[in-house]
Amino acid sequence: YQYLRKYKRGENLDHFLFSPEMTEGTEEECLKLLLEFCGRHNPSWTELSNFTHFLNFQLSKCEKSIFCSQVVGRDFQGF
């Protein structure tokens, strides 16, 4: 939700890292964003669950990847 919220607002995500302690928005806002970005019209709870698990997995991998680090970002801007 933190990533989707910042993405929708047009914020720079290059230096953002997920923080479970940081709470933003409401449950209603979270659900609206998930429905918007899920890519399915009228998704089931299972589809939303699969979407959130997949997105969480991908973003966790991205945060740990050397290719998405500040070191690489300095030399290859926009990579």
Protein backbone atom coordinates (compact mmCIF):
# COMPACT_ATOMS: atom_id res chain seq x y z
CA TYR A 1 0.00 0.00 0.00
CA GLN A 2 2.84 2.39 0.84
CA TYR A 3 4.39 1.93 -2.60
CA LEU A 4 1.07 2.19 -4.46
CA ARG A 5 0.07 5.30 -2.53
CA LYS A 6 3.36 7.06 -3.25
CA TYR A 7 3.29 5.93 -6.90
CA LYS A 8 -0.23 7.31 -7.40
CA ARG A 9 0.85 10.65 -5.91
CA GLY A 10 3.78 10.81 -8.31
CA GLU A 11 6.38 10.62 -5.55
CA ASN A 12 9.92 9.40 -6.24
CA LEU A 13 10.23 5.75 -5.16
CA ASP A 14 13.97 5.42 -5.84
CA HIS A 15 14.96 5.88 -2.20
CA PHE A 16 11.82 4.60 -0.50
CA LEU A 17 11.91 1.43 1.59
CA PHE A 18 8.88 -0.28 3.10
CA SER A 19 8.44 0.23 6.82
CA PRO A 20 5.88 -1.88 8.70
CA GLU A 21 5.85 0.69 11.53
CA MET A 22 4.75 3.49 9.21
CA THR A 23 0.99 3.66 8.94
CA GLU A 24 -0.61 5.79 6.26
CA GLY A 25 -4.18 6.31 5.21
CA THR A 26 -7.21 4.25 6.11
CA GLU A 27 -8.36 0.74 5.34
CA GLU A 28 -10.86 2.19 2.86
CA GLU A 29 -8.11 4.05 0.98
CA CYS A 30 -5.98 0.91 0.92
CA LEU A 31 -8.81 -1.18 -0.53
CA LYS A 32 -9.56 1.47 -3.18
CA LEU A 33 -5.90 1.52 -4.28
CA LEU A 34 -5.70 -2.27 -4.41
CA LEU A 35 -8.86 -2.40 -6.52
CA GLU A 36 -7.48 0.29 -8.82
CA PHE A 37 -4.09 -1.35 -9.38
CA CYS A 38 -5.16 -5.00 -9.32
CA GLY A 39 -5.86 -4.98 -13.04
CA ARG A 40 -9.10 -6.93 -12.76
CA HIS A 41 -12.62 -5.60 -13.00
CA ASN A 42 -14.52 -6.57 -9.85
CA PRO A 43 -11.82 -8.93 -8.46
CA SER A 44 -12.56 -11.59 -5.88
CA TRP A 45 -10.87 -11.57 -2.48
CA THR A 46 -8.64 -14.39 -3.68
CA GLU A 47 -7.52 -12.32 -6.67
CA LEU A 48 -6.79 -9.34 -4.41
CA SER A 49 -4.89 -11.60 -2.04
CA ASN A 50 -2.82 -13.07 -4.88
CA PHE A 51 -2.13 -9.57 -6.23
CA THR A 52 -0.93 -8.28 -2.85
CA HIS A 53 1.26 -11.33 -2.22
CA PHE A 54 2.81 -11.10 -5.68
CA LEU A 55 3.37 -7.34 -5.39
CA ASN A 56 4.88 -7.73 -1.92
CA PHE A 57 7.21 -10.48 -3.17
CA GLN A 58 8.35 -8.42 -6.17
CA LEU A 59 8.90 -5.24 -4.16
CA SER A 60 10.84 -7.13 -1.47
CA LYS A 61 13.11 -8.58 -4.15
CA CYS A 62 13.51 -5.14 -5.71
CA GLU A 63 14.53 -3.56 -2.39
CA LYS A 64 17.25 -6.21 -1.97
CA SER A 65 18.49 -6.15 -5.57
CA ILE A 66 21.87 -4.58 -6.32
CA PHE A 67 20.42 -3.37 -9.62
CA CYS A 68 17.92 -1.19 -7.73
CA SER A 69 20.44 0.15 -5.22
CA GLN A 70 21.76 3.69 -4.88
CA VAL A 71 25.19 2.47 -6.01
CA VAL A 72 23.90 1.45 -9.44
CA GLY A 73 21.49 4.40 -9.54
CA ARG A 74 24.36 6.87 -9.40
CA ASP A 75 26.03 5.41 -12.48
CA PHE A 76 22.91 4.38 -14.41
CA GLN A 77 20.25 6.98 -13.70
CA GLY A 78 16.77 5.74 -14.47
CA PHE A 79 17.91 2.11 -14.61
